[in-house]
N, C-alpha and C. Protein backbone atom coordinates (compact mmCIF):
# COMPACT_ATOMS: atom_id res chain seq x y z
N UNK A 1 14.86 -80.04 -26.84
CA UNK A 1 14.30 -78.72 -26.52
C UNK A 1 12.81 -78.87 -26.23
N UNK A 2 12.32 -78.40 -25.08
CA UNK A 2 10.92 -78.60 -24.72
C UNK A 2 9.98 -77.91 -25.69
N UNK A 3 8.85 -78.56 -25.97
CA UNK A 3 7.87 -78.02 -26.89
C UNK A 3 7.07 -76.92 -26.19
N UNK A 4 6.89 -75.79 -26.89
CA UNK A 4 6.14 -74.67 -26.32
C UNK A 4 4.65 -74.97 -26.44
N UNK A 5 3.90 -74.76 -25.37
CA UNK A 5 2.47 -75.07 -25.37
C UNK A 5 1.69 -74.08 -26.24
N UNK A 6 0.52 -74.52 -26.69
CA UNK A 6 -0.34 -73.65 -27.48
C UNK A 6 -0.80 -72.44 -26.67
N UNK A 7 -1.05 -72.67 -25.38
CA UNK A 7 -1.49 -71.56 -24.53
C UNK A 7 -0.39 -70.51 -24.41
N UNK A 8 0.86 -70.95 -24.35
CA UNK A 8 1.98 -70.01 -24.27
C UNK A 8 2.08 -69.20 -25.56
N UNK A 9 1.93 -69.86 -26.69
CA UNK A 9 2.00 -69.17 -27.98
C UNK A 9 0.86 -68.16 -28.11
N UNK A 10 -0.34 -68.56 -27.67
CA UNK A 10 -1.48 -67.66 -27.75
C UNK A 10 -1.28 -66.44 -26.84
N UNK A 11 -0.71 -66.67 -25.66
CA UNK A 11 -0.47 -65.57 -24.73
C UNK A 11 0.55 -64.59 -25.29
N UNK A 12 1.59 -65.12 -25.92
CA UNK A 12 2.60 -64.25 -26.54
C UNK A 12 1.98 -63.42 -27.67
N UNK A 13 1.17 -64.06 -28.47
CA UNK A 13 0.51 -63.37 -29.58
C UNK A 13 -0.38 -62.24 -29.06
N UNK A 14 -1.16 -62.55 -28.02
CA UNK A 14 -2.02 -61.53 -27.43
C UNK A 14 -1.21 -60.40 -26.83
N UNK A 15 -0.07 -60.73 -26.23
CA UNK A 15 0.81 -59.71 -25.66
C UNK A 15 1.27 -58.73 -26.74
N UNK A 16 1.61 -59.25 -27.89
CA UNK A 16 2.05 -58.39 -29.00
C UNK A 16 0.89 -57.55 -29.52
N UNK A 17 -0.27 -58.18 -29.69
CA UNK A 17 -1.44 -57.45 -30.18
C UNK A 17 -1.86 -56.35 -29.22
N UNK A 18 -1.79 -56.63 -27.92
CA UNK A 18 -2.13 -55.60 -26.93
C UNK A 18 -1.17 -54.42 -27.02
N UNK A 19 0.11 -54.72 -27.17
CA UNK A 19 1.11 -53.64 -27.29
C UNK A 19 0.87 -52.83 -28.55
N UNK A 20 0.59 -53.50 -29.67
CA UNK A 20 0.35 -52.80 -30.92
C UNK A 20 -0.91 -51.94 -30.83
N UNK A 21 -1.95 -52.47 -30.21
CA UNK A 21 -3.19 -51.72 -30.07
C UNK A 21 -2.98 -50.45 -29.26
N UNK A 22 -2.20 -50.56 -28.18
CA UNK A 22 -1.91 -49.39 -27.36
C UNK A 22 -1.18 -48.32 -28.15
N UNK A 23 -0.19 -48.72 -28.90
CA UNK A 23 0.58 -47.77 -29.70
C UNK A 23 -0.26 -47.16 -30.81
N UNK A 24 -1.03 -47.99 -31.50
CA UNK A 24 -1.86 -47.48 -32.59
C UNK A 24 -2.90 -46.50 -32.08
N UNK A 25 -3.52 -46.82 -30.95
CA UNK A 25 -4.54 -45.95 -30.38
C UNK A 25 -3.96 -44.61 -29.99
N UNK A 26 -2.74 -44.61 -29.48
CA UNK A 26 -2.12 -43.37 -29.00
C UNK A 26 -1.55 -42.52 -30.13
N UNK A 27 -0.92 -43.17 -31.10
CA UNK A 27 -0.15 -42.41 -32.10
C UNK A 27 -0.60 -42.59 -33.54
N UNK A 28 -1.52 -43.50 -33.78
CA UNK A 28 -1.97 -43.73 -35.15
C UNK A 28 -1.09 -44.73 -35.87
N UNK A 29 -1.59 -45.24 -36.99
CA UNK A 29 -0.85 -46.25 -37.74
C UNK A 29 0.41 -45.67 -38.38
N UNK A 30 0.28 -44.49 -38.96
CA UNK A 30 1.40 -43.93 -39.71
C UNK A 30 2.60 -43.59 -38.81
N UNK A 31 2.32 -43.13 -37.61
CA UNK A 31 3.40 -42.70 -36.71
C UNK A 31 3.95 -43.86 -35.87
N UNK A 32 3.40 -45.05 -36.04
CA UNK A 32 3.83 -46.20 -35.25
C UNK A 32 4.54 -47.20 -36.15
N UNK A 33 5.76 -47.54 -35.80
CA UNK A 33 6.52 -48.53 -36.55
C UNK A 33 6.65 -49.83 -35.78
N UNK A 34 7.18 -50.83 -36.42
CA UNK A 34 7.37 -52.11 -35.75
C UNK A 34 8.30 -51.97 -34.55
N UNK A 35 9.28 -51.07 -34.63
CA UNK A 35 10.18 -50.87 -33.50
C UNK A 35 9.42 -50.39 -32.27
N UNK A 36 8.41 -49.54 -32.49
CA UNK A 36 7.59 -49.06 -31.36
C UNK A 36 6.81 -50.20 -30.73
N UNK A 37 6.25 -51.07 -31.58
CA UNK A 37 5.49 -52.20 -31.08
C UNK A 37 6.39 -53.16 -30.31
N UNK A 38 7.57 -53.42 -30.85
CA UNK A 38 8.53 -54.30 -30.19
C UNK A 38 8.90 -53.77 -28.81
N UNK A 39 9.15 -52.46 -28.74
CA UNK A 39 9.51 -51.85 -27.45
C UNK A 39 8.37 -51.95 -26.45
N UNK A 40 7.14 -51.71 -26.93
CA UNK A 40 5.99 -51.74 -26.04
C UNK A 40 5.67 -53.16 -25.57
N UNK A 41 5.99 -54.15 -26.40
CA UNK A 41 5.66 -55.54 -26.05
C UNK A 41 6.58 -56.11 -24.98
N UNK A 42 7.82 -55.56 -24.88
CA UNK A 42 8.78 -56.11 -23.94
C UNK A 42 9.44 -57.38 -24.44
N UNK A 43 9.21 -57.73 -25.70
CA UNK A 43 9.79 -58.94 -26.29
C UNK A 43 10.91 -58.56 -27.25
N UNK A 44 11.64 -59.54 -27.69
CA UNK A 44 12.70 -59.29 -28.66
C UNK A 44 12.11 -59.12 -30.04
N UNK A 45 12.88 -58.50 -30.93
CA UNK A 45 12.43 -58.32 -32.31
C UNK A 45 12.14 -59.67 -32.95
N UNK A 46 12.99 -60.66 -32.69
CA UNK A 46 12.79 -61.98 -33.26
C UNK A 46 11.49 -62.60 -32.81
N UNK A 47 11.15 -62.41 -31.54
CA UNK A 47 9.91 -62.98 -31.01
C UNK A 47 8.69 -62.35 -31.66
N UNK A 48 8.74 -61.03 -31.84
CA UNK A 48 7.60 -60.34 -32.45
C UNK A 48 7.45 -60.74 -33.91
N UNK A 49 8.56 -60.76 -34.64
CA UNK A 49 8.49 -61.10 -36.07
C UNK A 49 8.15 -62.57 -36.28
N UNK A 50 8.29 -63.37 -35.26
CA UNK A 50 7.87 -64.77 -35.38
C UNK A 50 6.36 -64.86 -35.58
N UNK A 51 5.63 -63.92 -34.98
CA UNK A 51 4.18 -63.93 -35.07
C UNK A 51 3.64 -63.01 -36.16
N UNK A 52 4.28 -61.87 -36.35
CA UNK A 52 3.79 -60.88 -37.30
C UNK A 52 4.96 -60.34 -38.12
N UNK A 53 4.88 -60.51 -39.43
CA UNK A 53 5.98 -60.10 -40.30
C UNK A 53 5.95 -58.62 -40.64
N UNK A 54 4.82 -57.96 -40.41
CA UNK A 54 4.71 -56.56 -40.80
C UNK A 54 3.64 -55.86 -39.98
N UNK A 55 3.62 -54.55 -40.09
CA UNK A 55 2.60 -53.75 -39.41
C UNK A 55 1.22 -54.06 -39.99
N UNK A 56 1.14 -54.30 -41.28
CA UNK A 56 -0.15 -54.64 -41.90
C UNK A 56 -0.73 -55.91 -41.29
N UNK A 57 0.12 -56.89 -41.01
CA UNK A 57 -0.37 -58.12 -40.39
C UNK A 57 -0.90 -57.85 -38.98
N UNK A 58 -0.25 -56.95 -38.27
CA UNK A 58 -0.73 -56.58 -36.94
C UNK A 58 -2.10 -55.91 -37.03
N UNK A 59 -2.25 -54.98 -37.96
CA UNK A 59 -3.52 -54.28 -38.12
C UNK A 59 -4.62 -55.28 -38.45
N UNK A 60 -4.32 -56.20 -39.36
CA UNK A 60 -5.30 -57.22 -39.76
C UNK A 60 -5.72 -58.06 -38.56
N UNK A 61 -4.76 -58.46 -37.74
CA UNK A 61 -5.05 -59.31 -36.59
C UNK A 61 -5.90 -58.58 -35.56
N UNK A 62 -5.64 -57.30 -35.36
CA UNK A 62 -6.42 -56.52 -34.40
C UNK A 62 -7.86 -56.38 -34.88
N UNK A 63 -8.03 -56.04 -36.16
CA UNK A 63 -9.37 -55.90 -36.72
C UNK A 63 -10.13 -57.21 -36.62
N UNK A 64 -9.47 -58.30 -36.97
CA UNK A 64 -10.14 -59.60 -36.96
C UNK A 64 -10.48 -60.06 -35.55
N UNK A 65 -9.67 -59.67 -34.57
CA UNK A 65 -9.97 -60.03 -33.18
C UNK A 65 -11.26 -59.35 -32.73
N UNK A 66 -11.41 -58.06 -33.07
CA UNK A 66 -12.62 -57.33 -32.70
C UNK A 66 -13.83 -57.87 -33.45
N UNK A 67 -13.66 -58.14 -34.73
CA UNK A 67 -14.77 -58.67 -35.53
C UNK A 67 -15.19 -60.04 -35.03
N UNK A 68 -14.22 -60.84 -34.59
CA UNK A 68 -14.55 -62.15 -34.04
C UNK A 68 -15.45 -62.04 -32.82
N UNK A 69 -15.17 -61.07 -31.97
CA UNK A 69 -16.01 -60.86 -30.79
C UNK A 69 -17.41 -60.42 -31.21
N UNK A 70 -17.47 -59.51 -32.19
CA UNK A 70 -18.77 -59.05 -32.68
C UNK A 70 -19.57 -60.21 -33.27
N UNK A 71 -18.89 -61.05 -34.03
CA UNK A 71 -19.56 -62.19 -34.64
C UNK A 71 -20.14 -63.12 -33.59
N UNK A 72 -19.40 -63.35 -32.52
CA UNK A 72 -19.88 -64.24 -31.45
C UNK A 72 -21.15 -63.68 -30.81
N UNK A 73 -21.18 -62.36 -30.60
CA UNK A 73 -22.36 -61.76 -29.99
C UNK A 73 -23.56 -61.83 -30.92
N UNK A 74 -23.32 -61.62 -32.21
CA UNK A 74 -24.43 -61.67 -33.15
C UNK A 74 -24.96 -63.08 -33.34
N UNK A 75 -24.08 -64.07 -33.24
CA UNK A 75 -24.54 -65.46 -33.33
C UNK A 75 -25.53 -65.76 -32.22
N UNK A 76 -25.26 -65.26 -31.03
CA UNK A 76 -26.18 -65.43 -29.90
C UNK A 76 -27.49 -64.70 -30.18
N UNK A 77 -27.39 -63.48 -30.73
CA UNK A 77 -28.58 -62.69 -31.03
C UNK A 77 -29.48 -63.41 -32.02
N UNK A 78 -28.88 -64.01 -33.04
CA UNK A 78 -29.66 -64.66 -34.10
C UNK A 78 -30.30 -65.96 -33.64
N UNK A 79 -29.88 -66.48 -32.50
CA UNK A 79 -30.47 -67.70 -31.96
C UNK A 79 -31.69 -67.41 -31.09
N UNK A 80 -31.96 -66.14 -30.85
CA UNK A 80 -33.06 -65.78 -29.96
C UNK A 80 -34.41 -65.99 -30.64
N UNK A 81 -35.40 -66.26 -29.82
CA UNK A 81 -36.79 -66.32 -30.25
C UNK A 81 -37.60 -65.42 -29.32
N UNK A 82 -38.44 -64.52 -29.85
CA UNK A 82 -38.66 -64.27 -31.27
C UNK A 82 -37.47 -63.60 -31.95
N UNK A 83 -37.56 -63.48 -33.24
CA UNK A 83 -36.49 -62.87 -34.01
C UNK A 83 -36.31 -61.41 -33.56
N UNK A 84 -35.08 -60.97 -33.28
CA UNK A 84 -34.88 -59.59 -32.86
C UNK A 84 -35.24 -58.61 -33.98
N UNK A 85 -35.81 -57.47 -33.60
CA UNK A 85 -36.12 -56.48 -34.61
C UNK A 85 -34.87 -55.63 -34.90
N UNK A 86 -34.91 -54.80 -35.96
CA UNK A 86 -33.72 -53.99 -36.29
C UNK A 86 -33.20 -53.15 -35.13
N UNK A 87 -34.12 -52.55 -34.37
CA UNK A 87 -33.68 -51.70 -33.25
C UNK A 87 -32.93 -52.52 -32.20
N UNK A 88 -33.41 -53.75 -31.92
CA UNK A 88 -32.73 -54.60 -30.94
C UNK A 88 -31.36 -55.02 -31.44
N UNK A 89 -31.26 -55.29 -32.74
CA UNK A 89 -29.98 -55.68 -33.31
C UNK A 89 -28.98 -54.53 -33.22
N UNK A 90 -29.43 -53.33 -33.55
CA UNK A 90 -28.55 -52.17 -33.46
C UNK A 90 -28.17 -51.90 -32.01
N UNK A 91 -29.11 -52.06 -31.10
CA UNK A 91 -28.82 -51.85 -29.68
C UNK A 91 -27.73 -52.80 -29.21
N UNK A 92 -27.77 -54.05 -29.67
CA UNK A 92 -26.72 -55.01 -29.32
C UNK A 92 -25.36 -54.53 -29.80
N UNK A 93 -25.31 -54.04 -31.03
CA UNK A 93 -24.05 -53.57 -31.59
C UNK A 93 -23.55 -52.31 -30.89
N UNK A 94 -24.46 -51.41 -30.56
CA UNK A 94 -24.06 -50.18 -29.87
C UNK A 94 -23.52 -50.50 -28.48
N UNK A 95 -24.17 -51.43 -27.78
CA UNK A 95 -23.66 -51.84 -26.46
C UNK A 95 -22.27 -52.46 -26.60
N UNK A 96 -22.06 -53.21 -27.66
CA UNK A 96 -20.74 -53.80 -27.87
C UNK A 96 -19.69 -52.72 -28.08
N UNK A 97 -20.03 -51.69 -28.87
CA UNK A 97 -19.10 -50.57 -29.08
C UNK A 97 -18.76 -49.93 -27.74
N UNK A 98 -19.77 -49.68 -26.93
CA UNK A 98 -19.54 -49.05 -25.63
C UNK A 98 -18.70 -49.96 -24.72
N UNK A 99 -18.96 -51.26 -24.76
CA UNK A 99 -18.20 -52.20 -23.94
C UNK A 99 -16.73 -52.23 -24.36
N UNK A 100 -16.50 -52.32 -25.66
CA UNK A 100 -15.13 -52.36 -26.18
C UNK A 100 -14.40 -51.07 -25.84
N UNK A 101 -15.09 -49.94 -25.96
CA UNK A 101 -14.46 -48.65 -25.69
C UNK A 101 -14.05 -48.52 -24.23
N UNK A 102 -14.86 -49.08 -23.32
CA UNK A 102 -14.60 -48.89 -21.91
C UNK A 102 -13.78 -49.98 -21.26
N UNK A 103 -13.40 -50.96 -22.04
CA UNK A 103 -12.67 -52.11 -21.49
C UNK A 103 -11.16 -51.85 -21.50
N UNK A 104 -10.52 -52.16 -20.43
CA UNK A 104 -9.07 -52.09 -20.39
C UNK A 104 -8.53 -50.67 -20.47
N UNK A 105 -7.28 -50.56 -20.82
CA UNK A 105 -6.60 -49.27 -20.84
C UNK A 105 -6.66 -48.58 -22.20
N UNK A 106 -7.12 -49.30 -23.23
CA UNK A 106 -7.11 -48.77 -24.59
C UNK A 106 -8.52 -48.78 -25.15
N UNK A 107 -8.92 -47.66 -25.75
CA UNK A 107 -10.21 -47.58 -26.43
C UNK A 107 -10.04 -48.11 -27.85
N UNK A 108 -10.52 -49.32 -28.08
CA UNK A 108 -10.34 -49.95 -29.40
C UNK A 108 -11.08 -49.22 -30.50
N UNK A 109 -12.10 -48.44 -30.16
CA UNK A 109 -12.81 -47.72 -31.20
C UNK A 109 -11.92 -46.66 -31.86
N UNK A 110 -10.93 -46.15 -31.13
CA UNK A 110 -9.97 -45.22 -31.73
C UNK A 110 -9.18 -45.92 -32.84
N UNK A 111 -8.84 -47.17 -32.62
CA UNK A 111 -8.12 -47.94 -33.63
C UNK A 111 -9.02 -48.21 -34.82
N UNK A 112 -10.30 -48.46 -34.55
CA UNK A 112 -11.25 -48.72 -35.64
C UNK A 112 -11.34 -47.53 -36.58
N UNK A 113 -11.45 -46.33 -36.02
CA UNK A 113 -11.55 -45.13 -36.85
C UNK A 113 -10.27 -44.92 -37.66
N UNK A 114 -9.13 -45.18 -37.04
CA UNK A 114 -7.87 -45.05 -37.77
C UNK A 114 -7.78 -46.07 -38.90
N UNK A 115 -8.36 -47.24 -38.68
CA UNK A 115 -8.35 -48.27 -39.73
C UNK A 115 -9.14 -47.81 -40.94
N UNK A 116 -10.20 -47.03 -40.72
CA UNK A 116 -10.96 -46.51 -41.87
C UNK A 116 -10.06 -45.66 -42.75
N UNK A 117 -9.33 -44.74 -42.14
CA UNK A 117 -8.45 -43.87 -42.90
C UNK A 117 -7.32 -44.65 -43.58
N UNK A 118 -6.75 -45.60 -42.84
CA UNK A 118 -5.66 -46.39 -43.40
C UNK A 118 -6.15 -47.22 -44.59
N UNK A 119 -7.39 -47.67 -44.53
CA UNK A 119 -7.94 -48.50 -45.61
C UNK A 119 -8.04 -47.72 -46.92
N UNK A 120 -8.15 -46.40 -46.84
CA UNK A 120 -8.28 -45.59 -48.05
C UNK A 120 -6.97 -45.46 -48.81
N UNK A 121 -5.85 -45.75 -48.14
CA UNK A 121 -4.56 -45.60 -48.80
C UNK A 121 -3.77 -46.91 -48.90
N UNK A 122 -4.18 -47.90 -48.15
CA UNK A 122 -3.42 -49.14 -48.09
C UNK A 122 -4.31 -50.31 -48.54
N UNK A 123 -4.06 -50.88 -49.72
CA UNK A 123 -4.91 -51.95 -50.24
C UNK A 123 -5.01 -53.16 -49.31
N UNK A 124 -3.92 -53.51 -48.63
CA UNK A 124 -3.95 -54.67 -47.74
C UNK A 124 -4.88 -54.43 -46.55
N UNK A 125 -4.80 -53.23 -45.99
CA UNK A 125 -5.69 -52.91 -44.87
C UNK A 125 -7.13 -52.79 -45.38
N UNK A 126 -7.29 -52.22 -46.57
CA UNK A 126 -8.64 -52.11 -47.14
C UNK A 126 -9.29 -53.48 -47.26
N UNK A 127 -8.53 -54.47 -47.69
CA UNK A 127 -9.08 -55.82 -47.84
C UNK A 127 -9.57 -56.37 -46.51
N UNK A 128 -8.81 -56.11 -45.44
CA UNK A 128 -9.19 -56.59 -44.11
C UNK A 128 -10.43 -55.86 -43.61
N UNK A 129 -10.44 -54.54 -43.74
CA UNK A 129 -11.57 -53.73 -43.28
C UNK A 129 -12.82 -54.07 -44.09
N UNK A 130 -12.66 -54.22 -45.39
CA UNK A 130 -13.79 -54.58 -46.25
C UNK A 130 -14.42 -55.89 -45.79
N UNK A 131 -13.59 -56.89 -45.55
CA UNK A 131 -14.09 -58.20 -45.10
C UNK A 131 -14.77 -58.09 -43.74
N UNK A 132 -14.19 -57.28 -42.85
CA UNK A 132 -14.73 -57.16 -41.50
C UNK A 132 -16.12 -56.52 -41.52
N UNK A 133 -16.25 -55.40 -42.22
CA UNK A 133 -17.52 -54.70 -42.20
C UNK A 133 -18.58 -55.41 -43.02
N UNK A 134 -18.19 -56.12 -44.05
CA UNK A 134 -19.16 -56.94 -44.78
C UNK A 134 -19.69 -58.06 -43.88
N UNK A 135 -18.82 -58.60 -43.04
CA UNK A 135 -19.26 -59.63 -42.10
C UNK A 135 -20.29 -59.09 -41.13
N UNK A 136 -20.00 -57.92 -40.54
CA UNK A 136 -20.93 -57.33 -39.57
C UNK A 136 -22.23 -56.92 -40.27
N UNK A 137 -22.11 -56.30 -41.45
CA UNK A 137 -23.33 -55.92 -42.18
C UNK A 137 -24.16 -57.16 -42.51
N UNK A 138 -23.48 -58.26 -42.79
CA UNK A 138 -24.19 -59.49 -43.10
C UNK A 138 -25.08 -59.96 -41.96
N UNK A 139 -24.68 -59.74 -40.73
CA UNK A 139 -25.53 -60.10 -39.60
C UNK A 139 -26.79 -59.25 -39.58
N UNK A 140 -26.65 -57.96 -39.87
CA UNK A 140 -27.84 -57.11 -39.93
C UNK A 140 -28.76 -57.54 -41.06
N UNK A 141 -28.20 -57.88 -42.20
CA UNK A 141 -28.99 -58.36 -43.33
C UNK A 141 -29.77 -59.62 -42.93
N UNK A 142 -29.13 -60.50 -42.18
CA UNK A 142 -29.80 -61.73 -41.74
C UNK A 142 -30.93 -61.41 -40.77
N UNK A 143 -30.74 -60.41 -39.91
CA UNK A 143 -31.83 -59.98 -39.02
C UNK A 143 -33.03 -59.55 -39.84
N UNK A 144 -32.79 -58.78 -40.90
CA UNK A 144 -33.89 -58.32 -41.76
C UNK A 144 -34.58 -59.51 -42.42
N UNK A 145 -33.82 -60.43 -42.96
CA UNK A 145 -34.41 -61.59 -43.65
C UNK A 145 -35.26 -62.42 -42.70
N UNK A 146 -34.77 -62.60 -41.49
CA UNK A 146 -35.55 -63.39 -40.52
C UNK A 146 -36.80 -62.65 -40.10
N UNK A 147 -36.68 -61.32 -40.00
CA UNK A 147 -37.87 -60.52 -39.70
C UNK A 147 -38.91 -60.62 -40.81
N UNK A 148 -38.44 -60.67 -42.05
CA UNK A 148 -39.37 -60.83 -43.17
C UNK A 148 -40.05 -62.19 -43.12
N UNK A 149 -39.30 -63.21 -42.77
CA UNK A 149 -39.88 -64.55 -42.67
C UNK A 149 -40.92 -64.63 -41.55
N UNK A 150 -40.67 -63.86 -40.48
CA UNK A 150 -41.59 -63.86 -39.35
C UNK A 150 -42.76 -62.90 -39.55
N UNK A 151 -42.70 -62.08 -40.60
CA UNK A 151 -43.78 -61.14 -40.87
C UNK A 151 -43.69 -59.84 -40.10
N UNK A 152 -42.55 -59.57 -39.44
CA UNK A 152 -42.40 -58.33 -38.67
C UNK A 152 -41.74 -57.22 -39.47
N UNK A 153 -41.20 -57.54 -40.62
CA UNK A 153 -40.59 -56.56 -41.51
C UNK A 153 -41.23 -56.73 -42.88
N UNK A 154 -41.59 -55.63 -43.55
CA UNK A 154 -42.26 -55.74 -44.85
C UNK A 154 -41.49 -56.63 -45.83
N UNK A 155 -42.21 -57.47 -46.54
CA UNK A 155 -41.58 -58.41 -47.45
C UNK A 155 -40.87 -57.72 -48.60
N UNK A 156 -41.31 -56.50 -48.94
CA UNK A 156 -40.69 -55.81 -50.08
C UNK A 156 -39.49 -54.95 -49.66
N UNK A 157 -39.11 -54.98 -48.38
CA UNK A 157 -37.92 -54.24 -47.94
C UNK A 157 -36.67 -54.89 -48.53
N UNK A 158 -35.68 -54.08 -48.83
CA UNK A 158 -34.42 -54.57 -49.40
C UNK A 158 -33.49 -54.94 -48.23
N UNK A 159 -33.24 -56.24 -48.00
CA UNK A 159 -32.42 -56.63 -46.85
C UNK A 159 -31.03 -56.00 -46.85
N UNK A 160 -30.38 -55.94 -48.02
CA UNK A 160 -29.03 -55.39 -48.07
C UNK A 160 -29.00 -53.93 -47.64
N UNK A 161 -29.90 -53.14 -48.17
CA UNK A 161 -29.84 -51.71 -47.88
C UNK A 161 -30.41 -51.37 -46.50
N UNK A 162 -31.37 -52.16 -46.03
CA UNK A 162 -31.82 -51.94 -44.66
C UNK A 162 -30.72 -52.34 -43.69
N UNK A 163 -30.02 -53.45 -43.98
CA UNK A 163 -28.87 -53.83 -43.16
C UNK A 163 -27.78 -52.78 -43.17
N UNK A 164 -27.60 -52.15 -44.33
CA UNK A 164 -26.59 -51.10 -44.44
C UNK A 164 -26.94 -49.89 -43.59
N UNK A 165 -28.22 -49.53 -43.53
CA UNK A 165 -28.61 -48.39 -42.69
C UNK A 165 -28.44 -48.71 -41.22
N UNK A 166 -28.67 -49.98 -40.85
CA UNK A 166 -28.46 -50.39 -39.46
C UNK A 166 -26.98 -50.29 -39.09
N UNK A 167 -26.11 -50.73 -39.99
CA UNK A 167 -24.67 -50.61 -39.74
C UNK A 167 -24.27 -49.14 -39.64
N UNK A 168 -24.85 -48.29 -40.49
CA UNK A 168 -24.53 -46.87 -40.45
C UNK A 168 -24.90 -46.25 -39.10
N UNK A 169 -26.00 -46.71 -38.52
CA UNK A 169 -26.41 -46.19 -37.22
C UNK A 169 -25.38 -46.54 -36.14
N UNK A 170 -24.80 -47.73 -36.25
CA UNK A 170 -23.78 -48.15 -35.27
C UNK A 170 -22.50 -47.35 -35.47
N UNK A 171 -22.06 -47.23 -36.73
CA UNK A 171 -20.84 -46.48 -37.00
C UNK A 171 -21.01 -45.01 -36.65
N UNK A 172 -22.22 -44.49 -36.84
CA UNK A 172 -22.48 -43.10 -36.46
C UNK A 172 -22.35 -42.90 -34.96
N UNK A 173 -22.84 -43.87 -34.19
CA UNK A 173 -22.68 -43.78 -32.73
C UNK A 173 -21.20 -43.81 -32.37
N UNK A 174 -20.45 -44.73 -32.98
CA UNK A 174 -19.02 -44.86 -32.67
C UNK A 174 -18.29 -43.54 -32.92
N UNK A 175 -18.55 -42.94 -34.08
CA UNK A 175 -17.83 -41.73 -34.45
C UNK A 175 -18.24 -40.54 -33.57
N UNK A 176 -19.55 -40.37 -33.35
CA UNK A 176 -20.00 -39.26 -32.52
C UNK A 176 -19.52 -39.40 -31.09
N UNK A 177 -19.47 -40.64 -30.60
CA UNK A 177 -18.97 -40.85 -29.25
C UNK A 177 -17.54 -40.37 -29.10
N UNK A 178 -16.71 -40.65 -30.11
CA UNK A 178 -15.31 -40.22 -30.06
C UNK A 178 -15.16 -38.72 -30.24
N UNK A 179 -15.91 -38.15 -31.17
CA UNK A 179 -15.72 -36.73 -31.51
C UNK A 179 -16.46 -35.79 -30.56
N UNK A 180 -17.66 -36.17 -30.14
CA UNK A 180 -18.50 -35.26 -29.35
C UNK A 180 -18.61 -35.66 -27.89
N UNK A 181 -18.44 -36.96 -27.60
CA UNK A 181 -18.40 -37.47 -26.21
C UNK A 181 -19.64 -37.11 -25.40
N UNK A 182 -20.82 -37.08 -26.03
CA UNK A 182 -22.01 -36.72 -25.27
C UNK A 182 -23.19 -37.67 -25.53
N UNK A 183 -22.90 -38.88 -25.98
CA UNK A 183 -23.97 -39.83 -26.30
C UNK A 183 -24.05 -40.94 -25.25
N UNK A 184 -25.28 -41.26 -24.88
CA UNK A 184 -25.55 -42.38 -24.00
C UNK A 184 -26.05 -43.55 -24.85
N UNK A 185 -25.44 -44.74 -24.74
CA UNK A 185 -25.84 -45.86 -25.60
C UNK A 185 -27.32 -46.19 -25.52
N UNK A 186 -27.87 -46.25 -24.31
CA UNK A 186 -29.29 -46.60 -24.16
C UNK A 186 -30.20 -45.54 -24.78
N UNK A 187 -29.91 -44.29 -24.52
CA UNK A 187 -30.73 -43.21 -25.07
C UNK A 187 -30.62 -43.17 -26.60
N UNK A 188 -29.44 -43.44 -27.11
CA UNK A 188 -29.22 -43.43 -28.56
C UNK A 188 -30.06 -44.51 -29.23
N UNK A 189 -30.02 -45.73 -28.70
CA UNK A 189 -30.76 -46.82 -29.33
C UNK A 189 -32.27 -46.64 -29.14
N UNK A 190 -32.69 -46.03 -28.04
CA UNK A 190 -34.12 -45.75 -27.85
C UNK A 190 -34.59 -44.71 -28.87
N UNK A 191 -33.75 -43.72 -29.13
CA UNK A 191 -34.10 -42.72 -30.14
C UNK A 191 -34.20 -43.35 -31.52
N UNK A 192 -33.34 -44.31 -31.80
CA UNK A 192 -33.42 -45.02 -33.08
C UNK A 192 -34.73 -45.80 -33.18
N UNK A 193 -35.10 -46.45 -32.08
CA UNK A 193 -36.35 -47.21 -32.09
C UNK A 193 -37.53 -46.29 -32.39
N UNK A 194 -37.56 -45.13 -31.75
CA UNK A 194 -38.65 -44.18 -31.97
C UNK A 194 -38.67 -43.72 -33.42
N UNK A 195 -37.49 -43.45 -33.97
CA UNK A 195 -37.43 -42.96 -35.35
C UNK A 195 -37.87 -44.03 -36.35
N UNK A 196 -37.67 -45.32 -35.99
CA UNK A 196 -38.03 -46.40 -36.92
C UNK A 196 -39.47 -46.86 -36.76
N UNK A 197 -39.93 -46.99 -35.52
CA UNK A 197 -41.26 -47.57 -35.33
C UNK A 197 -42.26 -46.55 -34.78
N UNK A 198 -41.78 -45.38 -34.37
CA UNK A 198 -42.69 -44.30 -33.99
C UNK A 198 -43.09 -44.27 -32.52
N UNK A 199 -42.78 -45.30 -31.76
CA UNK A 199 -43.14 -45.31 -30.34
C UNK A 199 -41.96 -45.84 -29.53
N UNK A 200 -41.80 -45.35 -28.30
CA UNK A 200 -40.72 -45.86 -27.46
C UNK A 200 -41.03 -47.25 -26.97
N UNK A 201 -39.98 -47.96 -26.52
CA UNK A 201 -40.16 -49.30 -25.97
C UNK A 201 -40.92 -49.21 -24.66
N UNK A 202 -41.54 -50.30 -24.25
CA UNK A 202 -42.29 -50.32 -22.99
C UNK A 202 -41.36 -49.96 -21.85
N UNK A 203 -41.80 -49.02 -21.03
CA UNK A 203 -40.99 -48.59 -19.90
C UNK A 203 -39.95 -47.55 -20.28
N UNK A 204 -39.88 -47.19 -21.58
CA UNK A 204 -38.87 -46.24 -22.02
C UNK A 204 -39.36 -44.83 -21.91
């Protein structure tokens, strides 16, 4: 029997995740069962269960896929010189939210918001969401620490809580964008810069 290539396995896995994301975004986690995902994927039940044994595993994989992309972008940000300031770090994250929302046929931010609610009732999903947001918050904390080392952020600032406020600004944009649909990413991050440092960016 011929050996299946890694690329084929990865493509099948992505096919299932894409189908699950579409269903979750449209109908929510509670109203979507594995049968719905199987039907949307166009694969057999056996093929789907080969990759994911449960809906919780699908949710975890979707969250981790998005967080992986965020982590890659932040790794690039942290390699920049000079060290990015908090407003620049938040702007990067806000642009990522807007990019993810506008990419493809499914707005992944809808799934993110549903994951928050699911995490409140499902310990397995909570563990995944907790790990994901701690990872993203950790990047903001590192931005603060590097700013302190460079002398651009006060040494007595609390990196954890300043990082937490930066994450809150990003999540606030995500939620308002979905509920109110009247925010521009560039204008939002410029307003944050003004509120933090008191002056707009050059040319802003």
